[in-house]
C-alpha atoms as a PDB file:
ATOM      1  CA  MET A   1      12.510  42.268 -64.622  1.00  0.00           C
ATOM      2  CA  LYS A   2       9.865  39.335 -64.698  1.00  0.00           C
ATOM      3  CA  LYS A   3      12.643  36.916 -65.341  1.00  0.00           C
ATOM      4  CA  HIS A   4      15.001  38.479 -62.969  1.00  0.00           C
ATOM      5  CA  LEU A   5      12.367  37.854 -60.191  1.00  0.00           C
ATOM      6  CA  LEU A   6      11.463  34.310 -61.491  1.00  0.00           C
ATOM      7  CA  LEU A   7      15.244  33.425 -61.210  1.00  0.00           C
ATOM      8  CA  LEU A   8      15.360  35.039 -57.556  1.00  0.00           C
ATOM      9  CA  PHE A   9      12.453  32.919 -56.582  1.00  0.00           C
ATOM     10  CA  ALA A  10      13.557  29.615 -58.229  1.00  0.00           C
ATOM     11  CA  ALA A  11      16.883  30.171 -56.453  1.00  0.00           C
ATOM     12  CA  ALA A  12      15.405  30.810 -53.033  1.00  0.00           C
ATOM     13  CA  GLY A  13      13.092  27.537 -53.437  1.00  0.00           C
ATOM     14  CA  LEU A  14      16.214  25.577 -54.333  1.00  0.00           C
ATOM     15  CA  CYS A  15      18.377  26.852 -51.117  1.00  0.00           C
ATOM     16  CA  ALA A  16      15.194  26.473 -49.019  1.00  0.00           C
ATOM     17  CA  GLY A  17      14.747  22.646 -50.383  1.00  0.00           C
ATOM     18  CA  ALA A  18      18.150  22.012 -49.632  1.00  0.00           C
ATOM     19  CA  ILE A  19      18.279  22.966 -46.133  1.00  0.00           C
ATOM     20  CA  ALA A  20      15.021  21.228 -45.519  1.00  0.00           C
ATOM     21  CA  VAL A  21      16.504  17.913 -46.765  1.00  0.00           C
ATOM     22  CA  ASP A  22      19.546  18.561 -44.751  1.00  0.00           C
ATOM     23  CA  GLN A  23      17.757  19.082 -41.716  1.00  0.00           C
ATOM     24  CA  THR A  24      15.516  15.784 -42.262  1.00  0.00           C
ATOM     25  CA  SER A  25      18.059  12.977 -41.489  1.00  0.00           C
ATOM     26  CA  PRO A  26      20.372  14.265 -39.021  1.00  0.00           C
ATOM     27  CA  GLU A  27      20.759  11.004 -37.189  1.00  0.00           C
ATOM     28  CA  SER A  28      21.835   9.519 -40.234  1.00  0.00           C
ATOM     29  CA  LYS A  29      25.034  11.595 -40.735  1.00  0.00           C
ATOM     30  CA  THR A  30      26.193  11.871 -36.949  1.00  0.00           C
ATOM     31  CA  PRO A  31      26.320   8.898 -34.361  1.00  0.00           C
ATOM     32  CA  PRO A  32      24.488   9.760 -31.274  1.00  0.00           C
ATOM     33  CA  ASP A  33      26.267  11.337 -28.346  1.00  0.00           C
ATOM     34  CA  PRO A  34      27.181   9.153 -25.611  1.00  0.00           C
ATOM     35  CA  LYS A  35      26.380  11.402 -22.977  1.00  0.00           C
ATOM     36  CA  ILE A  36      22.646  11.690 -24.648  1.00  0.00           C
ATOM     37  CA  THR A  37      22.602   8.187 -24.608  1.00  0.00           C
ATOM     38  CA  ALA A  38      23.846   7.684 -21.010  1.00  0.00           C
ATOM     39  CA  LEU A  39      21.535  10.261 -19.449  1.00  0.00           C
ATOM     40  CA  GLU A  40      18.388   8.594 -21.281  1.00  0.00           C
ATOM     41  CA  GLN A  41      19.420   5.394 -19.208  1.00  0.00           C
ATOM     42  CA  GLN A  42      19.740   7.296 -16.201  1.00  0.00           C
ATOM     43  CA  VAL A  43      16.124   8.618 -16.713  1.00  0.00           C
ATOM     44  CA  ALA A  44      14.911   5.332 -17.388  1.00  0.00           C
ATOM     45  CA  THR A  45      16.505   4.026 -14.309  1.00  0.00           C
ATOM     46  CA  LEU A  46      15.127   6.757 -12.209  1.00  0.00           C
ATOM     47  CA  GLN A  47      11.600   6.279 -13.743  1.00  0.00           C
ATOM     48  CA  ALA A  48      11.723   2.643 -12.737  1.00  0.00           C
ATOM     49  CA  SER A  49      12.575   3.434  -8.931  1.00  0.00           C
ATOM     50  CA  VAL A  50       9.940   5.887  -8.878  1.00  0.00           C
ATOM     51  CA  LYS A  51       7.630   3.540  -9.937  1.00  0.00           C
ATOM     52  CA  THR A  52       8.857   0.874  -7.337  1.00  0.00           C
ATOM     53  CA  LEU A  53       8.748   3.971  -4.586  1.00  0.00           C
ATOM     54  CA  GLU A  54       4.938   4.521  -5.513  1.00  0.00           C
ATOM     55  CA  GLU A  55       4.033   1.121  -5.429  1.00  0.00           C
ATOM     56  CA  ARG A  56       5.476   0.534  -1.716  1.00  0.00           C
ATOM     57  CA  LEU A  57       4.026   3.901  -0.530  1.00  0.00           C
ATOM     58  CA  ALA A  58       0.723   2.790  -1.682  1.00  0.00           C
ATOM     59  CA  LYS A  59       1.029  -0.422  -0.066  1.00  0.00           C
ATOM     60  CA  VAL A  60       2.187   1.222   3.349  1.00  0.00           C
ATOM     61  CA  GLU A  61      -0.563   3.695   3.163  1.00  0.00           C
ATOM     62  CA  SER A  62      -3.209   0.961   2.793  1.00  0.00           C
ATOM     63  CA  GLU A  63      -1.942  -0.651   5.757  1.00  0.00           C
ATOM     64  CA  LEU A  64      -2.184   2.422   7.924  1.00  0.00           C
ATOM     65  CA  PRO A  65      -5.354   3.177  10.029  1.00  0.00           C
ATOM     66  CA  PRO A  66      -7.766   5.794   8.764  1.00  0.00           C
ATOM     67  CA  LYS A  67      -7.393   9.531   9.751  1.00  0.00           C
ATOM     68  CA  VAL A  68      -9.213  11.236  12.096  1.00  0.00           C
ATOM     69  CA  PRO A  69     -10.461  14.672  10.821  1.00  0.00           C
ATOM     70  CA  PRO A  70      -8.600  17.269  12.578  1.00  0.00           C
ATOM     71  CA  GLY A  71     -10.652  19.025  15.302  1.00  0.00           C
ATOM     72  CA  VAL A  72     -12.162  15.727  16.281  1.00  0.00           C
ATOM     73  CA  LEU A  73     -11.566  14.010  19.769  1.00  0.00           C
ATOM     74  CA  GLN A  74     -11.753  10.276  19.398  1.00  0.00           C
ATOM     75  CA  PHE A  75     -12.584   8.484  22.782  1.00  0.00           C
ATOM     76  CA  VAL A  76     -10.649   5.333  23.714  1.00  0.00           C
ATOM     77  CA  PRO A  77     -12.455   3.315  26.365  1.00  0.00           C
ATOM     78  CA  ASN A  78      -9.862   0.634  27.091  1.00  0.00           C
ATOM     79  CA  ASN A  79      -6.862   3.308  27.802  1.00  0.00           C
ATOM     80  CA  PRO A  80      -6.628   3.861  31.115  1.00  0.00           C
ATOM     81  CA  ALA A  81      -4.873   7.067  30.448  1.00  0.00           C
ATOM     82  CA  ILE A  82      -7.558   8.627  28.961  1.00  0.00           C
ATOM     83  CA  GLN A  83     -10.780   8.276  30.610  1.00  0.00           C
ATOM     84  CA  PRO A  84     -14.279  10.243  30.541  1.00  0.00           C
ATOM     85  CA  PRO A  85     -14.334  12.762  33.649  1.00  0.00           C
ATOM     86  CA  ALA A  86     -16.173  11.468  36.363  1.00  0.00           C
ATOM     87  CA  THR A  87     -20.025  12.414  36.999  1.00  0.00           C
ATOM     88  CA  GLY A  88     -20.575  15.814  37.857  1.00  0.00           C
ATOM     89  CA  ASN A  89     -18.600  18.888  37.198  1.00  0.00           C
ATOM     90  CA  PRO A  90     -15.303  18.836  38.776  1.00  0.00           C
ATOM     91  CA  LEU A  91     -14.194  22.349  37.870  1.00  0.00           C
ATOM     92  CA  GLY A  92     -17.702  23.951  38.843  1.00  0.00           C
ATOM     93  CA  VAL A  93     -18.196  25.623  35.898  1.00  0.00           C
ATOM     94  CA  ILE A  94     -21.578  25.563  33.868  1.00  0.00           C
ATOM     95  CA  PRO A  95     -20.689  24.748  30.065  1.00  0.00           C
ATOM     96  CA  GLY A  96     -21.652  27.666  27.736  1.00  0.00           C
ATOM     97  CA  SER A  97     -21.810  30.102  30.425  1.00  0.00           C
ATOM     98  CA  GLY A  98     -18.777  31.610  29.412  1.00  0.00           C
ATOM     99  CA  ALA A  99     -17.232  31.710  33.089  1.00  0.00           C
ATOM    100  CA  VAL A 100     -13.825  29.920  33.519  1.00  0.00           C
ATOM    101  CA  PRO A 101     -12.741  27.752  36.264  1.00  0.00           C
ATOM    102  CA  LYS A 102     -11.327  29.419  39.343  1.00  0.00           C
ATOM    103  CA  SER A 103      -8.209  28.113  39.168  1.00  0.00           C
ATOM    104  CA  TRP A 104      -7.307  29.725  35.952  1.00  0.00           C
ATOM    105  CA  THR A 105      -5.454  32.579  36.124  1.00  0.00           C
ATOM    106  CA  PRO A 106      -6.250  35.579  33.735  1.00  0.00           C
ATOM    107  CA  ARG A 107      -3.275  37.470  32.423  1.00  0.00           C
ATOM    108  CA  GLU A 108      -2.925  40.076  29.481  1.00  0.00           C
ATOM    109  CA  PHE A 109      -0.437  40.448  26.584  1.00  0.00           C
ATOM    110  CA  ASN A 110      -0.941  43.103  23.965  1.00  0.00           C
ATOM    111  CA  GLY A 111      -4.608  43.480  24.902  1.00  0.00           C
ATOM    112  CA  TRP A 112      -5.758  39.787  24.556  1.00  0.00           C
ATOM    113  CA  THR A 113      -6.331  38.166  27.785  1.00  0.00           C
ATOM    114  CA  TYR A 114      -4.973  34.546  28.110  1.00  0.00           C
ATOM    115  CA  TYR A 115      -5.401  32.148  30.762  1.00  0.00           C
ATOM    116  CA  VAL A 116      -2.866  30.267  32.884  1.00  0.00           C
ATOM    117  CA  VAL A 117      -4.324  26.698  33.478  1.00  0.00           C
ATOM    118  CA  PRO A 118      -3.054  24.457  35.854  1.00  0.00           C
ATOM    119  CA  CYS A 119      -2.271  21.027  34.652  1.00  0.00           C
ATOM    120  CA  ASP A 120      -2.688  18.767  37.905  1.00  0.00           C
ATOM    121  CA  ALA A 121      -5.342  16.531  38.242  1.00  0.00           C
ATOM    122  CA  GLN A 122      -7.473  18.541  40.672  1.00  0.00           C
ATOM    123  CA  GLY A 123      -7.622  21.741  38.578  1.00  0.00           C
ATOM    124  CA  LYS A 124      -6.205  23.645  41.526  1.00  0.00           C
END
């Protein structure tokens, strides 16, 4: 019984060794597939183009003016289209009082109040 078991393990070991030796050098037996080499060349080309595009993007981003955070109004004094309001209060509303100008028309939609705000220069 012990001899049979020993022969079985020896045969299994030889088979495992033959399979391992066969799998260690598959490149030496078969030439590389031309499709694989073509795909490897495409990958290399695409990686090079991505690198150049990233460099161009970095250059363009460095030339852009700095971004203003959202919610921040930037005053440009030399632009005639954007001027600060004249002295006084042209709409007649005290800031922080919760009142709205008289020219705003209140409306309601689904229980929510909204206002129609005129866009002319006088606010009327």
